[in-house]
Amino acid sequence: MKVLVTGATGFIGAHTVTRLLQGGHEVAALTRTSAAALERAGMKAVRGDVADPAEVLGAMAGCEALIHLANVYSSGRGIRASTGVSTWRPPVASSIRRSRRGCLR
């Protein structure tokens, strides 16, 4: 089965990708950063941003399943400016929801 994983470069995502590959699945990941170790293990990295519906849709082409483990945060203005704590932007779910038809193609 071809599976798209968001958040593949994070702790849980990397372990999820490893288990999927061990299970014989074809794995693609939408990633903003390098995922060289996972690519060497057999994962296909697709550069993009989970907050961009078009990029999510493109990454989902041909996938039979989606495992969404990513979240988007901002380290700019807001709470971080006064406290040093990152502020969370709205969930990425809306981008995934708008792109869910990609799994059905």
N, C-alpha and C. Protein backbone atom coordinates (compact mmCIF):
# COMPACT_ATOMS: atom_id res chain seq x y z
N MET A 1 0.84 -1.17 0.00
CA MET A 1 0.00 0.00 0.00
C MET A 1 0.89 1.24 0.00
N LYS A 2 0.51 2.25 -0.77
CA LYS A 2 1.27 3.51 -0.78
C LYS A 2 0.66 4.44 0.25
N VAL A 3 1.52 4.92 1.16
CA VAL A 3 1.07 5.73 2.28
C VAL A 3 1.83 7.06 2.28
N LEU A 4 1.09 8.16 2.47
CA LEU A 4 1.71 9.47 2.65
C LEU A 4 1.75 9.75 4.14
N VAL A 5 2.91 10.16 4.63
CA VAL A 5 3.06 10.52 6.04
C VAL A 5 3.46 11.98 6.13
N THR A 6 2.71 12.76 6.91
CA THR A 6 3.14 14.12 7.21
C THR A 6 3.81 14.06 8.58
N GLY A 7 4.79 14.91 8.81
CA GLY A 7 5.50 14.88 10.08
C GLY A 7 6.52 13.75 10.16
N ALA A 8 6.95 13.26 9.02
CA ALA A 8 7.86 12.10 8.97
C ALA A 8 9.23 12.39 9.56
N THR A 9 9.64 13.64 9.64
CA THR A 9 10.96 13.94 10.17
C THR A 9 10.95 14.14 11.68
N GLY A 10 9.77 14.09 12.29
CA GLY A 10 9.67 14.19 13.74
C GLY A 10 9.91 12.82 14.39
N PHE A 11 9.91 12.80 15.71
CA PHE A 11 10.19 11.57 16.45
C PHE A 11 9.19 10.47 16.12
N ILE A 12 7.91 10.74 16.29
CA ILE A 12 6.89 9.72 16.04
C ILE A 12 6.81 9.41 14.55
N GLY A 13 6.89 10.44 13.71
CA GLY A 13 6.82 10.24 12.27
C GLY A 13 7.92 9.35 11.73
N ALA A 14 9.15 9.56 12.20
CA ALA A 14 10.28 8.75 11.73
C ALA A 14 10.10 7.29 12.12
N HIS A 15 9.61 7.04 13.32
CA HIS A 15 9.37 5.66 13.75
C HIS A 15 8.22 5.04 12.96
N THR A 16 7.21 5.84 12.65
CA THR A 16 6.09 5.36 11.86
C THR A 16 6.55 4.97 10.46
N VAL A 17 7.35 5.82 9.84
CA VAL A 17 7.88 5.54 8.50
C VAL A 17 8.70 4.25 8.53
N THR A 18 9.56 4.11 9.51
CA THR A 18 10.39 2.90 9.62
C THR A 18 9.53 1.65 9.70
N ARG A 19 8.50 1.68 10.53
CA ARG A 19 7.62 0.51 10.66
C ARG A 19 6.85 0.22 9.38
N LEU A 20 6.39 1.26 8.71
CA LEU A 20 5.69 1.06 7.44
C LEU A 20 6.61 0.42 6.40
N LEU A 21 7.84 0.92 6.31
CA LEU A 21 8.80 0.35 5.36
C LEU A 21 9.11 -1.10 5.71
N GLN A 22 9.27 -1.39 6.99
CA GLN A 22 9.51 -2.77 7.42
C GLN A 22 8.34 -3.68 7.08
N GLY A 23 7.14 -3.10 7.04
CA GLY A 23 5.94 -3.86 6.70
C GLY A 23 5.73 -4.01 5.20
N GLY A 24 6.65 -3.49 4.41
CA GLY A 24 6.56 -3.65 2.97
C GLY A 24 5.74 -2.59 2.25
N HIS A 25 5.40 -1.53 2.93
CA HIS A 25 4.60 -0.46 2.32
C HIS A 25 5.49 0.51 1.57
N GLU A 26 4.93 1.14 0.56
CA GLU A 26 5.61 2.23 -0.16
C GLU A 26 5.26 3.51 0.59
N VAL A 27 6.28 4.25 1.00
CA VAL A 27 6.05 5.42 1.84
C VAL A 27 6.55 6.69 1.16
N ALA A 28 5.69 7.69 1.14
CA ALA A 28 6.06 9.04 0.70
C ALA A 28 5.82 9.97 1.88
N ALA A 29 6.60 11.04 1.95
CA ALA A 29 6.44 11.99 3.04
C ALA A 29 6.50 13.40 2.51
N LEU A 30 5.57 14.22 2.96
CA LEU A 30 5.59 15.64 2.65
C LEU A 30 6.47 16.29 3.70
N THR A 31 7.58 16.87 3.28
CA THR A 31 8.55 17.38 4.25
C THR A 31 9.12 18.72 3.82
N ARG A 32 9.34 19.58 4.80
CA ARG A 32 9.96 20.89 4.54
C ARG A 32 11.47 20.82 4.60
N THR A 33 11.98 19.83 5.32
CA THR A 33 13.42 19.73 5.56
C THR A 33 13.96 18.42 4.98
N SER A 34 15.25 18.30 5.01
CA SER A 34 15.90 17.10 4.51
C SER A 34 15.49 15.88 5.34
N ALA A 35 15.31 14.78 4.66
CA ALA A 35 14.96 13.52 5.31
C ALA A 35 15.89 12.43 4.78
N ALA A 36 17.18 12.75 4.69
CA ALA A 36 18.15 11.87 4.04
C ALA A 36 18.19 10.47 4.63
N ALA A 37 18.16 10.36 5.94
CA ALA A 37 18.22 9.03 6.57
C ALA A 37 17.00 8.19 6.19
N LEU A 38 15.83 8.80 6.18
CA LEU A 38 14.62 8.07 5.82
C LEU A 38 14.61 7.75 4.33
N GLU A 39 15.15 8.64 3.52
CA GLU A 39 15.23 8.38 2.08
C GLU A 39 16.16 7.20 1.81
N ARG A 40 17.27 7.13 2.53
CA ARG A 40 18.18 5.99 2.37
C ARG A 40 17.49 4.68 2.76
N ALA A 41 16.54 4.76 3.67
CA ALA A 41 15.82 3.56 4.11
C ALA A 41 14.72 3.16 3.12
N GLY A 42 14.42 4.04 2.14
CA GLY A 42 13.45 3.70 1.11
C GLY A 42 12.24 4.60 1.00
N MET A 43 12.15 5.63 1.84
CA MET A 43 11.03 6.56 1.78
C MET A 43 11.26 7.57 0.67
N LYS A 44 10.18 7.99 0.02
CA LYS A 44 10.26 9.04 -1.01
C LYS A 44 9.87 10.36 -0.37
N ALA A 45 10.79 11.31 -0.33
CA ALA A 45 10.51 12.63 0.23
C ALA A 45 9.93 13.53 -0.85
N VAL A 46 8.84 14.20 -0.52
CA VAL A 46 8.21 15.17 -1.40
C VAL A 46 8.31 16.51 -0.69
N ARG A 47 9.07 17.44 -1.25
CA ARG A 47 9.22 18.75 -0.61
C ARG A 47 7.92 19.53 -0.69
N GLY A 48 7.51 20.08 0.44
CA GLY A 48 6.31 20.88 0.46
C GLY A 48 5.93 21.27 1.88
N ASP A 49 4.81 21.96 1.98
CA ASP A 49 4.33 22.48 3.25
C ASP A 49 2.90 21.99 3.48
N VAL A 50 2.65 21.41 4.64
CA VAL A 50 1.32 20.89 4.93
C VAL A 50 0.27 21.98 5.03
N ALA A 51 0.68 23.23 5.14
CA ALA A 51 -0.28 24.34 5.19
C ALA A 51 -0.72 24.78 3.80
N ASP A 52 -0.15 24.20 2.75
CA ASP A 52 -0.50 24.55 1.38
C ASP A 52 -1.32 23.41 0.77
N PRO A 53 -2.64 23.61 0.60
CA PRO A 53 -3.50 22.54 0.09
C PRO A 53 -3.04 21.95 -1.25
N ALA A 54 -2.52 22.79 -2.14
CA ALA A 54 -2.07 22.29 -3.44
C ALA A 54 -0.88 21.35 -3.29
N GLU A 55 0.03 21.67 -2.37
CA GLU A 55 1.19 20.81 -2.16
C GLU A 55 0.78 19.49 -1.50
N VAL A 56 -0.18 19.55 -0.59
CA VAL A 56 -0.69 18.33 0.05
C VAL A 56 -1.35 17.45 -1.00
N LEU A 57 -2.18 18.05 -1.84
CA LEU A 57 -2.86 17.30 -2.89
C LEU A 57 -1.87 16.64 -3.83
N GLY A 58 -0.84 17.36 -4.23
CA GLY A 58 0.18 16.80 -5.11
C GLY A 58 0.90 15.62 -4.46
N ALA A 59 1.22 15.76 -3.19
CA ALA A 59 1.92 14.68 -2.48
C ALA A 59 1.04 13.45 -2.30
N MET A 60 -0.27 13.65 -2.23
CA MET A 60 -1.21 12.55 -2.01
C MET A 60 -1.52 11.77 -3.28
N ALA A 61 -1.10 12.26 -4.43
CA ALA A 61 -1.41 11.58 -5.69
C ALA A 61 -0.94 10.12 -5.65
N GLY A 62 -1.86 9.22 -5.90
CA GLY A 62 -1.54 7.80 -5.94
C GLY A 62 -1.50 7.12 -4.59
N CYS A 63 -1.68 7.87 -3.52
CA CYS A 63 -1.64 7.26 -2.18
C CYS A 63 -2.99 6.63 -1.83
N GLU A 64 -2.90 5.55 -1.10
CA GLU A 64 -4.11 4.86 -0.64
C GLU A 64 -4.44 5.21 0.81
N ALA A 65 -3.48 5.80 1.51
CA ALA A 65 -3.69 6.15 2.91
C ALA A 65 -2.86 7.37 3.26
N LEU A 66 -3.30 8.07 4.29
CA LEU A 66 -2.60 9.25 4.79
C LEU A 66 -2.47 9.11 6.30
N ILE A 67 -1.26 9.28 6.81
CA ILE A 67 -1.04 9.33 8.25
C ILE A 67 -0.54 10.74 8.53
N HIS A 68 -1.39 11.51 9.21
CA HIS A 68 -1.11 12.94 9.43
C HIS A 68 -0.56 13.14 10.84
N LEU A 69 0.75 13.38 10.92
CA LEU A 69 1.42 13.56 12.20
C LEU A 69 2.05 14.94 12.35
N ALA A 70 1.89 15.79 11.35
CA ALA A 70 2.54 17.11 11.37
C ALA A 70 1.68 18.13 12.08
N ASN A 71 2.35 19.13 12.60
CA ASN A 71 1.70 20.31 13.11
C ASN A 71 2.57 21.48 12.69
N VAL A 72 1.98 22.64 12.66
CA VAL A 72 2.69 23.83 12.20
C VAL A 72 2.73 24.81 13.36
N TYR A 73 3.91 25.32 13.64
CA TYR A 73 4.02 26.31 14.69
C TYR A 73 4.78 27.52 14.20
N SER A 74 4.60 28.60 14.90
CA SER A 74 5.27 29.83 14.55
C SER A 74 6.18 30.25 15.70
N SER A 75 7.36 30.68 15.38
CA SER A 75 8.25 31.17 16.42
C SER A 75 8.44 32.68 16.29
N GLY A 76 7.48 33.30 15.64
CA GLY A 76 7.57 34.75 15.41
C GLY A 76 6.93 35.56 16.51
N ARG A 77 6.09 36.47 16.13
CA ARG A 77 5.45 37.37 17.09
C ARG A 77 4.48 36.61 17.99
N GLY A 78 3.82 37.34 18.85
CA GLY A 78 2.82 36.73 19.72
C GLY A 78 3.43 36.29 21.04
N ILE A 79 2.99 35.18 21.52
CA ILE A 79 3.41 34.70 22.84
C ILE A 79 4.92 34.57 22.91
N ARG A 80 5.54 34.04 21.88
CA ARG A 80 6.99 33.82 21.91
C ARG A 80 7.76 35.12 22.14
N ALA A 81 7.27 36.20 21.55
CA ALA A 81 7.98 37.47 21.68
C ALA A 81 8.16 37.88 23.14
N SER A 82 7.18 37.57 23.98
CA SER A 82 7.28 37.99 25.38
C SER A 82 7.68 36.87 26.32
N THR A 83 7.45 35.61 25.95
CA THR A 83 7.70 34.52 26.88
C THR A 83 8.73 33.52 26.41
N GLY A 84 9.04 33.53 25.11
CA GLY A 84 9.97 32.54 24.58
C GLY A 84 9.29 31.23 24.21
N VAL A 85 7.96 31.15 24.34
CA VAL A 85 7.22 29.94 24.02
C VAL A 85 6.65 30.07 22.61
N SER A 86 6.82 29.04 21.80
CA SER A 86 6.28 29.07 20.44
C SER A 86 4.76 29.14 20.47
N THR A 87 4.20 29.83 19.50
CA THR A 87 2.75 29.90 19.39
C THR A 87 2.29 28.98 18.27
N TRP A 88 1.17 28.33 18.45
CA TRP A 88 0.66 27.39 17.45
C TRP A 88 -0.26 28.10 16.50
N ARG A 89 -0.04 27.89 15.21
CA ARG A 89 -0.95 28.41 14.19
C ARG A 89 -2.14 27.47 14.10
N PRO A 90 -3.19 27.85 13.37
CA PRO A 90 -4.34 26.96 13.23
C PRO A 90 -3.91 25.59 12.72
N PRO A 91 -4.62 24.55 13.13
CA PRO A 91 -4.25 23.19 12.73
C PRO A 91 -4.18 23.02 11.22
N VAL A 92 -3.39 22.09 10.81
CA VAL A 92 -3.18 21.79 9.41
C VAL A 92 -4.37 21.01 8.85
N ALA A 93 -5.26 20.59 9.71
CA ALA A 93 -6.39 19.76 9.30
C ALA A 93 -7.18 20.38 8.16
N SER A 94 -7.33 21.69 8.13
CA SER A 94 -8.11 22.31 7.05
C SER A 94 -7.43 22.08 5.70
N SER A 95 -6.11 22.12 5.67
CA SER A 95 -5.38 21.85 4.43
C SER A 95 -5.58 20.41 4.00
N ILE A 96 -5.49 19.50 4.95
CA ILE A 96 -5.69 18.08 4.66
C ILE A 96 -7.13 17.85 4.21
N ARG A 97 -8.07 18.45 4.92
CA ARG A 97 -9.49 18.28 4.60
C ARG A 97 -9.78 18.75 3.17
N ARG A 98 -9.21 19.89 2.78
CA ARG A 98 -9.44 20.41 1.43
C ARG A 98 -8.78 19.56 0.37
N SER A 99 -7.79 18.75 0.78
CA SER A 99 -7.04 17.95 -0.18
C SER A 99 -7.37 16.47 -0.13
N ARG A 100 -8.32 16.08 0.70
CA ARG A 100 -8.58 14.65 0.92
C ARG A 100 -8.97 13.92 -0.35
N ARG A 101 -9.48 14.64 -1.34
CA ARG A 101 -9.83 13.98 -2.60
C ARG A 101 -8.62 13.35 -3.28
N GLY A 102 -7.41 13.82 -2.94
CA GLY A 102 -6.20 13.26 -3.53
C GLY A 102 -6.04 11.79 -3.22
N CYS A 103 -6.52 11.36 -2.05
CA CYS A 103 -6.42 9.94 -1.68
C CYS A 103 -7.38 9.09 -2.51
N LEU A 104 -8.39 9.70 -3.07
CA LEU A 104 -9.42 8.94 -3.80
C LEU A 104 -9.09 8.81 -5.28
N ARG A 105 -8.03 9.48 -5.71
CA ARG A 105 -7.67 9.43 -7.12
C ARG A 105 -6.81 8.25 -7.42
